[in-house]
Amino acid sequence: MVTEMKIINNPSQILSNSLGLFAETKEKGAVSFSDMFAESLKNADRLEKESQNFSEKIASGQVDNIHEAMIAAQKADISMQLILQVRNKVLDAYREITRMQI
């Protein structure tokens, strides 16, 4: 199976086509990476506050169920670890792109 390779005569055409595709997906309701990341940060913050709330209630003796508090703490921890790993991967990708020679 042989595929035909097209010669790129006008690089600006590729850029405009790419931007057009991006605009189309944006109009269709696609979520951008920054929106997803911001939503993940809000979710992690909510989980962290929930975990702190459980911890305060256990310390004051208002809650006897330690299992729910531990689960909330683990959810908050895992969420924060995920956000940190995504951030690290994005920074690594950025550094790699900036090191590329043009």
PDB file of N, CA and C in Angstrom:
ATOM      1  N   MET A   1       0.846  -1.173   0.000  1.00  0.00           N
ATOM      2  CA  MET A   1       0.000   0.000   0.000  1.00  0.00           C
ATOM      3  C   MET A   1       0.891   1.236   0.000  1.00  0.00           C
ATOM      4  N   VAL A   2       0.767   2.030  -1.027  1.00  0.00           N
ATOM      5  CA  VAL A   2       1.567   3.234  -1.171  1.00  0.00           C
ATOM      6  C   VAL A   2       0.648   4.440  -1.056  1.00  0.00           C
ATOM      7  N   THR A   3       1.060   5.381  -0.234  1.00  0.00           N
ATOM      8  CA  THR A   3       0.282   6.609  -0.116  1.00  0.00           C
ATOM      9  C   THR A   3       1.018   7.733  -0.811  1.00  0.00           C
ATOM     10  N   GLU A   4       0.264   8.610  -1.399  1.00  0.00           N
ATOM     11  CA  GLU A   4       0.842   9.728  -2.126  1.00  0.00           C
ATOM     12  C   GLU A   4       1.206  10.848  -1.158  1.00  0.00           C
ATOM     13  N   MET A   5       2.414  11.351  -1.306  1.00  0.00           N
ATOM     14  CA  MET A   5       2.844  12.476  -0.482  1.00  0.00           C
ATOM     15  C   MET A   5       2.677  13.749  -1.293  1.00  0.00           C
ATOM     16  N   LYS A   6       2.032  14.721  -0.718  1.00  0.00           N
ATOM     17  CA  LYS A   6       1.814  15.991  -1.408  1.00  0.00           C
ATOM     18  C   LYS A   6       2.919  16.967  -1.031  1.00  0.00           C
ATOM     19  N   ILE A   7       3.340  17.726  -2.005  1.00  0.00           N
ATOM     20  CA  ILE A   7       4.364  18.736  -1.772  1.00  0.00           C
ATOM     21  C   ILE A   7       3.697  19.963  -1.159  1.00  0.00           C
ATOM     22  N   ILE A   8       4.340  20.512  -0.157  1.00  0.00           N
ATOM     23  CA  ILE A   8       3.810  21.701   0.503  1.00  0.00           C
ATOM     24  C   ILE A   8       4.351  22.921  -0.231  1.00  0.00           C
ATOM     25  N   ASN A   9       3.481  23.583  -0.964  1.00  0.00           N
ATOM     26  CA  ASN A   9       3.881  24.783  -1.697  1.00  0.00           C
ATOM     27  C   ASN A   9       3.643  26.048  -0.893  1.00  0.00           C
ATOM     28  N   ASN A  10       2.630  26.020  -0.068  1.00  0.00           N
ATOM     29  CA  ASN A  10       2.264  27.226   0.661  1.00  0.00           C
ATOM     30  C   ASN A  10       2.046  26.874   2.134  1.00  0.00           C
ATOM     31  N   PRO A  11       3.066  27.064   2.979  1.00  0.00           N
ATOM     32  CA  PRO A  11       2.910  26.715   4.396  1.00  0.00           C
ATOM     33  C   PRO A  11       1.808  27.493   5.100  1.00  0.00           C
ATOM     34  N   SER A  12       1.520  28.714   4.653  1.00  0.00           N
ATOM     35  CA  SER A  12       0.468  29.485   5.307  1.00  0.00           C
ATOM     36  C   SER A  12      -0.900  28.854   5.095  1.00  0.00           C
ATOM     37  N   GLN A  13      -1.045  28.103   3.993  1.00  0.00           N
ATOM     38  CA  GLN A  13      -2.307  27.410   3.744  1.00  0.00           C
ATOM     39  C   GLN A  13      -2.537  26.335   4.806  1.00  0.00           C
ATOM     40  N   ILE A  14      -1.485  25.651   5.196  1.00  0.00           N
ATOM     41  CA  ILE A  14      -1.604  24.621   6.230  1.00  0.00           C
ATOM     42  C   ILE A  14      -2.029  25.257   7.545  1.00  0.00           C
ATOM     43  N   LEU A  15      -1.422  26.389   7.870  1.00  0.00           N
ATOM     44  CA  LEU A  15      -1.764  27.080   9.107  1.00  0.00           C
ATOM     45  C   LEU A  15      -3.219  27.528   9.101  1.00  0.00           C
ATOM     46  N   SER A  16      -3.659  28.114   7.994  1.00  0.00           N
ATOM     47  CA  SER A  16      -5.049  28.576   7.940  1.00  0.00           C
ATOM     48  C   SER A  16      -6.015  27.403   7.995  1.00  0.00           C
ATOM     49  N   ASN A  17      -5.665  26.283   7.358  1.00  0.00           N
ATOM     50  CA  ASN A  17      -6.521  25.097   7.433  1.00  0.00           C
ATOM     51  C   ASN A  17      -6.592  24.579   8.861  1.00  0.00           C
ATOM     52  N   SER A  18      -5.462  24.568   9.542  1.00  0.00           N
ATOM     53  CA  SER A  18      -5.438  24.091  10.926  1.00  0.00           C
ATOM     54  C   SER A  18      -6.260  24.995  11.824  1.00  0.00           C
ATOM     55  N   LEU A  19      -6.129  26.294  11.641  1.00  0.00           N
ATOM     56  CA  LEU A  19      -6.904  27.227  12.453  1.00  0.00           C
ATOM     57  C   LEU A  19      -8.388  27.103  12.157  1.00  0.00           C
ATOM     58  N   GLY A  20      -8.715  26.845  10.902  1.00  0.00           N
ATOM     59  CA  GLY A  20     -10.114  26.649  10.541  1.00  0.00           C
ATOM     60  C   GLY A  20     -10.690  25.417  11.207  1.00  0.00           C
ATOM     61  N   LEU A  21      -9.915  24.341  11.258  1.00  0.00           N
ATOM     62  CA  LEU A  21     -10.374  23.126  11.933  1.00  0.00           C
ATOM     63  C   LEU A  21     -10.549  23.373  13.417  1.00  0.00           C
ATOM     64  N   PHE A  22      -9.633  24.158  13.999  1.00  0.00           N
ATOM     65  CA  PHE A  22      -9.746  24.466  15.420  1.00  0.00           C
ATOM     66  C   PHE A  22     -11.005  25.279  15.690  1.00  0.00           C
ATOM     67  N   ALA A  23     -11.279  26.243  14.825  1.00  0.00           N
ATOM     68  CA  ALA A  23     -12.473  27.071  15.006  1.00  0.00           C
ATOM     69  C   ALA A  23     -13.736  26.229  14.892  1.00  0.00           C
ATOM     70  N   GLU A  24     -13.733  25.258  13.958  1.00  0.00           N
ATOM     71  CA  GLU A  24     -14.903  24.395  13.802  1.00  0.00           C
ATOM     72  C   GLU A  24     -15.139  23.561  15.051  1.00  0.00           C
ATOM     73  N   THR A  25     -14.085  22.990  15.612  1.00  0.00           N
ATOM     74  CA  THR A  25     -14.269  22.170  16.810  1.00  0.00           C
ATOM     75  C   THR A  25     -14.684  23.029  17.988  1.00  0.00           C
ATOM     76  N   LYS A  26     -14.212  24.261  18.035  1.00  0.00           N
ATOM     77  CA  LYS A  26     -14.591  25.156  19.124  1.00  0.00           C
ATOM     78  C   LYS A  26     -16.082  25.480  19.035  1.00  0.00           C
ATOM     79  N   GLU A  27     -16.584  25.658  17.807  1.00  0.00           N
ATOM     80  CA  GLU A  27     -17.996  25.970  17.629  1.00  0.00           C
ATOM     81  C   GLU A  27     -18.886  24.783  17.975  1.00  0.00           C
ATOM     82  N   LYS A  28     -18.404  23.577  17.761  1.00  0.00           N
ATOM     83  CA  LYS A  28     -19.200  22.378  18.022  1.00  0.00           C
ATOM     84  C   LYS A  28     -19.299  22.058  19.507  1.00  0.00           C
ATOM     85  N   GLY A  29     -18.655  22.827  20.331  1.00  0.00           N
ATOM     86  CA  GLY A  29     -18.759  22.606  21.765  1.00  0.00           C
ATOM     87  C   GLY A  29     -17.625  21.781  22.342  1.00  0.00           C
ATOM     88  N   ALA A  30     -16.538  21.638  21.593  1.00  0.00           N
ATOM     89  CA  ALA A  30     -15.395  20.903  22.113  1.00  0.00           C
ATOM     90  C   ALA A  30     -14.763  21.700  23.251  1.00  0.00           C
ATOM     91  N   VAL A  31     -14.244  21.005  24.215  1.00  0.00           N
ATOM     92  CA  VAL A  31     -13.644  21.647  25.383  1.00  0.00           C
ATOM     93  C   VAL A  31     -12.146  21.781  25.156  1.00  0.00           C
ATOM     94  N   SER A  32     -11.604  22.952  25.416  1.00  0.00           N
ATOM     95  CA  SER A  32     -10.172  23.162  25.250  1.00  0.00           C
ATOM     96  C   SER A  32      -9.414  22.568  26.437  1.00  0.00           C
ATOM     97  N   PHE A  33      -8.112  22.386  26.238  1.00  0.00           N
ATOM     98  CA  PHE A  33      -7.276  21.830  27.297  1.00  0.00           C
ATOM     99  C   PHE A  33      -7.267  22.752  28.512  1.00  0.00           C
ATOM    100  N   SER A  34      -7.180  24.049  28.269  1.00  0.00           N
ATOM    101  CA  SER A  34      -7.135  24.984  29.400  1.00  0.00           C
ATOM    102  C   SER A  34      -8.433  24.948  30.201  1.00  0.00           C
ATOM    103  N   ASP A  35      -9.570  24.784  29.507  1.00  0.00           N
ATOM    104  CA  ASP A  35     -10.845  24.674  30.223  1.00  0.00           C
ATOM    105  C   ASP A  35     -10.896  23.395  31.055  1.00  0.00           C
ATOM    106  N   MET A  36     -10.412  22.297  30.453  1.00  0.00           N
ATOM    107  CA  MET A  36     -10.391  21.026  31.190  1.00  0.00           C
ATOM    108  C   MET A  36      -9.475  21.114  32.404  1.00  0.00           C
ATOM    109  N   PHE A  37      -8.313  21.737  32.222  1.00  0.00           N
ATOM    110  CA  PHE A  37      -7.358  21.847  33.317  1.00  0.00           C
ATOM    111  C   PHE A  37      -7.916  22.732  34.429  1.00  0.00           C
ATOM    112  N   ALA A  38      -8.567  23.828  34.048  1.00  0.00           N
ATOM    113  CA  ALA A  38      -9.172  24.717  35.046  1.00  0.00           C
ATOM    114  C   ALA A  38     -10.270  23.986  35.816  1.00  0.00           C
ATOM    115  N   GLU A  39     -11.063  23.197  35.115  1.00  0.00           N
ATOM    116  CA  GLU A  39     -12.121  22.426  35.778  1.00  0.00           C
ATOM    117  C   GLU A  39     -11.519  21.387  36.727  1.00  0.00           C
ATOM    118  N   SER A  40     -10.407  20.777  36.316  1.00  0.00           N
ATOM    119  CA  SER A  40      -9.733  19.808  37.181  1.00  0.00           C
ATOM    120  C   SER A  40      -9.185  20.479  38.436  1.00  0.00           C
ATOM    121  N   LEU A  41      -8.662  21.686  38.285  1.00  0.00           N
ATOM    122  CA  LEU A  41      -8.173  22.429  39.450  1.00  0.00           C
ATOM    123  C   LEU A  41      -9.305  22.737  40.419  1.00  0.00           C
ATOM    124  N   LYS A  42     -10.444  23.140  39.879  1.00  0.00           N
ATOM    125  CA  LYS A  42     -11.600  23.421  40.738  1.00  0.00           C
ATOM    126  C   LYS A  42     -12.048  22.159  41.466  1.00  0.00           C
ATOM    127  N   ASN A  43     -12.056  21.041  40.746  1.00  0.00           N
ATOM    128  CA  ASN A  43     -12.454  19.769  41.346  1.00  0.00           C
ATOM    129  C   ASN A  43     -11.478  19.362  42.446  1.00  0.00           C
ATOM    130  N   ALA A  44     -10.176  19.514  42.191  1.00  0.00           N
ATOM    131  CA  ALA A  44      -9.174  19.173  43.203  1.00  0.00           C
ATOM    132  C   ALA A  44      -9.319  20.064  44.431  1.00  0.00           C
ATOM    133  N   ASP A  45      -9.600  21.330  44.215  1.00  0.00           N
ATOM    134  CA  ASP A  45      -9.802  22.256  45.333  1.00  0.00           C
ATOM    135  C   ASP A  45     -11.025  21.849  46.149  1.00  0.00           C
ATOM    136  N   ARG A  46     -12.093  21.466  45.465  1.00  0.00           N
ATOM    137  CA  ARG A  46     -13.309  21.031  46.154  1.00  0.00           C
ATOM    138  C   ARG A  46     -13.038  19.777  46.983  1.00  0.00           C
ATOM    139  N   LEU A  47     -12.295  18.822  46.399  1.00  0.00           N
ATOM    140  CA  LEU A  47     -11.969  17.597  47.130  1.00  0.00           C
ATOM    141  C   LEU A  47     -11.080  17.884  48.336  1.00  0.00           C
ATOM    142  N   GLU A  48     -10.157  18.822  48.188  1.00  0.00           N
ATOM    143  CA  GLU A  48      -9.272  19.189  49.300  1.00  0.00           C
ATOM    144  C   GLU A  48     -10.069  19.828  50.433  1.00  0.00           C
ATOM    145  N   LYS A  49     -10.997  20.709  50.092  1.00  0.00           N
ATOM    146  CA  LYS A  49     -11.835  21.341  51.119  1.00  0.00           C
ATOM    147  C   LYS A  49     -12.719  20.312  51.814  1.00  0.00           C
ATOM    148  N   GLU A  50     -13.232  19.360  51.034  1.00  0.00           N
ATOM    149  CA  GLU A  50     -14.056  18.295  51.617  1.00  0.00           C
ATOM    150  C   GLU A  50     -13.234  17.453  52.588  1.00  0.00           C
ATOM    151  N   SER A  51     -11.996  17.160  52.211  1.00  0.00           N
ATOM    152  CA  SER A  51     -11.107  16.389  53.074  1.00  0.00           C
ATOM    153  C   SER A  51     -10.802  17.155  54.364  1.00  0.00           C
ATOM    154  N   GLN A  52     -10.532  18.447  54.244  1.00  0.00           N
ATOM    155  CA  GLN A  52     -10.274  19.263  55.431  1.00  0.00           C
ATOM    156  C   GLN A  52     -11.500  19.324  56.333  1.00  0.00           C
ATOM    157  N   ASN A  53     -12.668  19.411  55.732  1.00  0.00           N
ATOM    158  CA  ASN A  53     -13.911  19.454  56.491  1.00  0.00           C
ATOM    159  C   ASN A  53     -14.081  18.169  57.307  1.00  0.00           C
ATOM    160  N   PHE A  54     -13.826  17.016  56.671  1.00  0.00           N
ATOM    161  CA  PHE A  54     -13.903  15.743  57.392  1.00  0.00           C
ATOM    162  C   PHE A  54     -12.889  15.696  58.530  1.00  0.00           C
ATOM    163  N   SER A  55     -11.674  16.165  58.260  1.00  0.00           N
ATOM    164  CA  SER A  55     -10.630  16.141  59.286  1.00  0.00           C
ATOM    165  C   SER A  55     -11.015  16.993  60.491  1.00  0.00           C
ATOM    166  N   GLU A  56     -11.579  18.161  60.227  1.00  0.00           N
ATOM    167  CA  GLU A  56     -11.999  19.036  61.321  1.00  0.00           C
ATOM    168  C   GLU A  56     -13.136  18.410  62.126  1.00  0.00           C
ATOM    169  N   LYS A  57     -14.064  17.756  61.428  1.00  0.00           N
ATOM    170  CA  LYS A  57     -15.186  17.121  62.120  1.00  0.00           C
ATOM    171  C   LYS A  57     -14.719  15.943  62.973  1.00  0.00           C
ATOM    172  N   ILE A  58     -13.739  15.194  62.479  1.00  0.00           N
ATOM    173  CA  ILE A  58     -13.207  14.073  63.264  1.00  0.00           C
ATOM    174  C   ILE A  58     -12.463  14.604  64.486  1.00  0.00           C
ATOM    175  N   ALA A  59     -11.682  15.663  64.295  1.00  0.00           N
ATOM    176  CA  ALA A  59     -10.927  16.235  65.411  1.00  0.00           C
ATOM    177  C   ALA A  59     -11.847  16.788  66.493  1.00  0.00           C
ATOM    178  N   SER A  60     -12.995  17.320  66.086  1.00  0.00           N
ATOM    179  CA  SER A  60     -13.926  17.879  67.070  1.00  0.00           C
ATOM    180  C   SER A  60     -14.903  16.839  67.607  1.00  0.00           C
ATOM    181  N   GLY A  61     -14.863  15.623  67.065  1.00  0.00           N
ATOM    182  CA  GLY A  61     -15.725  14.553  67.557  1.00  0.00           C
ATOM    183  C   GLY A  61     -17.118  14.544  66.961  1.00  0.00           C
ATOM    184  N   GLN A  62     -17.348  15.305  65.911  1.00  0.00           N
ATOM    185  CA  GLN A  62     -18.667  15.358  65.286  1.00  0.00           C
ATOM    186  C   GLN A  62     -18.946  14.155  64.388  1.00  0.00           C
ATOM    187  N   VAL A  63     -17.888  13.513  63.885  1.00  0.00           N
ATOM    188  CA  VAL A  63     -18.039  12.373  62.973  1.00  0.00           C
ATOM    189  C   VAL A  63     -17.296  11.179  63.553  1.00  0.00           C
ATOM    190  N   ASP A  64     -17.961  10.036  63.559  1.00  0.00           N
ATOM    191  CA  ASP A  64     -17.320   8.818  64.046  1.00  0.00           C
ATOM    192  C   ASP A  64     -16.797   7.946  62.908  1.00  0.00           C
ATOM    193  N   ASN A  65     -17.258   8.194  61.693  1.00  0.00           N
ATOM    194  CA  ASN A  65     -16.896   7.363  60.558  1.00  0.00           C
ATOM    195  C   ASN A  65     -15.565   7.831  59.961  1.00  0.00           C
ATOM    196  N   ILE A  66     -14.503   7.179  60.373  1.00  0.00           N
ATOM    197  CA  ILE A  66     -13.168   7.551  59.902  1.00  0.00           C
ATOM    198  C   ILE A  66     -12.956   7.108  58.461  1.00  0.00           C
ATOM    199  N   HIS A  67     -13.678   6.073  58.039  1.00  0.00           N
ATOM    200  CA  HIS A  67     -13.513   5.551  56.685  1.00  0.00           C
ATOM    201  C   HIS A  67     -13.828   6.617  55.632  1.00  0.00           C
ATOM    202  N   GLU A  68     -14.915   7.343  55.819  1.00  0.00           N
ATOM    203  CA  GLU A  68     -15.277   8.388  54.860  1.00  0.00           C
ATOM    204  C   GLU A  68     -14.219   9.488  54.822  1.00  0.00           C
ATOM    205  N   ALA A  69     -13.672   9.817  55.966  1.00  0.00           N
ATOM    206  CA  ALA A  69     -12.631  10.845  56.016  1.00  0.00           C
ATOM    207  C   ALA A  69     -11.377  10.381  55.288  1.00  0.00           C
ATOM    208  N   MET A  70     -11.012   9.123  55.470  1.00  0.00           N
ATOM    209  CA  MET A  70      -9.827   8.587  54.789  1.00  0.00           C
ATOM    210  C   MET A  70     -10.044   8.523  53.278  1.00  0.00           C
ATOM    211  N   ILE A  71     -11.241   8.139  52.877  1.00  0.00           N
ATOM    212  CA  ILE A  71     -11.547   8.088  51.446  1.00  0.00           C
ATOM    213  C   ILE A  71     -11.487   9.490  50.849  1.00  0.00           C
ATOM    214  N   ALA A  72     -12.038  10.469  51.540  1.00  0.00           N
ATOM    215  CA  ALA A  72     -11.996  11.854  51.060  1.00  0.00           C
ATOM    216  C   ALA A  72     -10.554  12.353  50.966  1.00  0.00           C
ATOM    217  N   ALA A  73      -9.737  12.001  51.949  1.00  0.00           N
ATOM    218  CA  ALA A  73      -8.331  12.417  51.929  1.00  0.00           C
ATOM    219  C   ALA A  73      -7.587  11.779  50.765  1.00  0.00           C
ATOM    220  N   GLN A  74      -7.853  10.506  50.504  1.00  0.00           N
ATOM    221  CA  GLN A  74      -7.195   9.822  49.390  1.00  0.00           C
ATOM    222  C   GLN A  74      -7.649  10.381  48.043  1.00  0.00           C
ATOM    223  N   LYS A  75      -8.932  10.695  47.919  1.00  0.00           N
ATOM    224  CA  LYS A  75      -9.424  11.301  46.679  1.00  0.00           C
ATOM    225  C   LYS A  75      -8.729  12.629  46.427  1.00  0.00           C
ATOM    226  N   ALA A  76      -8.600  13.439  47.461  1.00  0.00           N
ATOM    227  CA  ALA A  76      -7.935  14.734  47.320  1.00  0.00           C
ATOM    228  C   ALA A  76      -6.467  14.548  46.949  1.00  0.00           C
ATOM    229  N   ASP A  77      -5.813  13.580  47.568  1.00  0.00           N
ATOM    230  CA  ASP A  77      -4.404  13.321  47.288  1.00  0.00           C
ATOM    231  C   ASP A  77      -4.201  12.846  45.853  1.00  0.00           C
ATOM    232  N   ILE A  78      -5.019  11.913  45.411  1.00  0.00           N
ATOM    233  CA  ILE A  78      -4.894  11.386  44.050  1.00  0.00           C
ATOM    234  C   ILE A  78      -5.182  12.479  43.027  1.00  0.00           C
ATOM    235  N   SER A  79      -6.179  13.295  43.292  1.00  0.00           N
ATOM    236  CA  SER A  79      -6.513  14.391  42.385  1.00  0.00           C
ATOM    237  C   SER A  79      -5.352  15.373  42.269  1.00  0.00           C
ATOM    238  N   MET A  80      -4.733  15.705  43.382  1.00  0.00           N
ATOM    239  CA  MET A  80      -3.603  16.629  43.359  1.00  0.00           C
ATOM    240  C   MET A  80      -2.400  16.012  42.646  1.00  0.00           C
ATOM    241  N   GLN A  81      -2.150  14.730  42.866  1.00  0.00           N
ATOM    242  CA  GLN A  81      -1.051  14.056  42.177  1.00  0.00           C
ATOM    243  C   GLN A  81      -1.269  14.059  40.667  1.00  0.00           C
ATOM    244  N   LEU A  82      -2.510  13.825  40.244  1.00  0.00           N
ATOM    245  CA  LEU A  82      -2.821  13.833  38.820  1.00  0.00           C
ATOM    246  C   LEU A  82      -2.569  15.207  38.214  1.00  0.00           C
ATOM    247  N   ILE A  83      -3.009  16.243  38.891  1.00  0.00           N
ATOM    248  CA  ILE A  83      -2.803  17.602  38.379  1.00  0.00           C
ATOM    249  C   ILE A  83      -1.317  17.925  38.291  1.00  0.00           C
ATOM    250  N   LEU A  84      -0.555  17.527  39.289  1.00  0.00           N
ATOM    251  CA  LEU A  84       0.889  17.778  39.255  1.00  0.00           C
ATOM    252  C   LEU A  84       1.562  17.030  38.111  1.00  0.00           C
ATOM    253  N   GLN A  85       1.146  15.795  37.857  1.00  0.00           N
ATOM    254  CA  GLN A  85       1.730  15.031  36.760  1.00  0.00           C
ATOM    255  C   GLN A  85       1.376  15.635  35.404  1.00  0.00           C
ATOM    256  N   VAL A  86       0.142  16.085  35.247  1.00  0.00           N
ATOM    257  CA  VAL A  86      -0.247  16.737  33.991  1.00  0.00           C
ATOM    258  C   VAL A  86       0.563  18.012  33.801  1.00  0.00           C
ATOM    259  N   ARG A  87       0.712  18.787  34.874  1.00  0.00           N
ATOM    260  CA  ARG A  87       1.515  20.008  34.792  1.00  0.00           C
ATOM    261  C   ARG A  87       2.951  19.690  34.391  1.00  0.00           C
ATOM    262  N   ASN A  88       3.524  18.653  35.005  1.00  0.00           N
ATOM    263  CA  ASN A  88       4.899  18.273  34.682  1.00  0.00           C
ATOM    264  C   ASN A  88       5.033  17.856  33.224  1.00  0.00           C
ATOM    265  N   LYS A  89       4.063  17.102  32.717  1.00  0.00           N
ATOM    266  CA  LYS A  89       4.109  16.664  31.316  1.00  0.00           C
ATOM    267  C   LYS A  89       3.981  17.851  30.369  1.00  0.00           C
ATOM    268  N   VAL A  90       3.123  18.797  30.700  1.00  0.00           N
ATOM    269  CA  VAL A  90       2.969  19.986  29.858  1.00  0.00           C
ATOM    270  C   VAL A  90       4.261  20.797  29.856  1.00  0.00           C
ATOM    271  N   LEU A  91       4.879  20.960  31.013  1.00  0.00           N
ATOM    272  CA  LEU A  91       6.146  21.695  31.076  1.00  0.00           C
ATOM    273  C   LEU A  91       7.251  20.974  30.317  1.00  0.00           C
ATOM    274  N   ASP A  92       7.297  19.647  30.415  1.00  0.00           N
ATOM    275  CA  ASP A  92       8.287  18.884  29.655  1.00  0.00           C
ATOM    276  C   ASP A  92       8.080  19.059  28.155  1.00  0.00           C
ATOM    277  N   ALA A  93       6.827  19.017  27.717  1.00  0.00           N
ATOM    278  CA  ALA A  93       6.529  19.206  26.293  1.00  0.00           C
ATOM    279  C   ALA A  93       6.925  20.609  25.848  1.00  0.00           C
ATOM    280  N   TYR A  94       6.641  21.608  26.673  1.00  0.00           N
ATOM    281  CA  TYR A  94       7.010  22.984  26.342  1.00  0.00           C
ATOM    282  C   TYR A  94       8.525  23.121  26.224  1.00  0.00           C
ATOM    283  N   ARG A  95       9.246  22.551  27.175  1.00  0.00           N
ATOM    284  CA  ARG A  95      10.715  22.629  27.133  1.00  0.00           C
ATOM    285  C   ARG A  95      11.263  21.936  25.892  1.00  0.00           C
ATOM    286  N   GLU A  96      10.669  20.808  25.543  1.00  0.00           N
ATOM    287  CA  GLU A  96      11.128  20.085  24.357  1.00  0.00           C
ATOM    288  C   GLU A  96      10.868  20.897  23.091  1.00  0.00           C
ATOM    289  N   ILE A  97       9.723  21.544  23.026  1.00  0.00           N
ATOM    290  CA  ILE A  97       9.405  22.366  21.857  1.00  0.00           C
ATOM    291  C   ILE A  97      10.353  23.555  21.767  1.00  0.00           C
ATOM    292  N   THR A  98      10.671  24.174  22.896  1.00  0.00           N
ATOM    293  CA  THR A  98      11.567  25.333  22.860  1.00  0.00           C
ATOM    294  C   THR A  98      12.997  24.934  22.496  1.00  0.00           C
ATOM    295  N   ARG A  99      13.358  23.687  22.711  1.00  0.00           N
ATOM    296  CA  ARG A  99      14.701  23.223  22.351  1.00  0.00           C
ATOM    297  C   ARG A  99      14.817  22.825  20.887  1.00  0.00           C
ATOM    298  N   MET A 100      13.686  22.702  20.205  1.00  0.00           N
ATOM    299  CA  MET A 100      13.724  22.289  18.799  1.00  0.00           C
ATOM    300  C   MET A 100      14.387  23.363  17.953  1.00  0.00           C
ATOM    301  N   GLN A 101      15.181  22.907  17.013  1.00  0.00           N
ATOM    302  CA  GLN A 101      15.812  23.835  16.088  1.00  0.00           C
ATOM    303  C   GLN A 101      14.910  24.006  14.877  1.00  0.00           C
ATOM    304  N   ILE A 102      14.827  25.242  14.441  1.00  0.00           N
ATOM    305  CA  ILE A 102      13.946  25.535  13.299  1.00  0.00           C
ATOM    306  C   ILE A 102      14.738  25.517  12.022  1.00  0.00           C
TER     307      ILE A 102
END
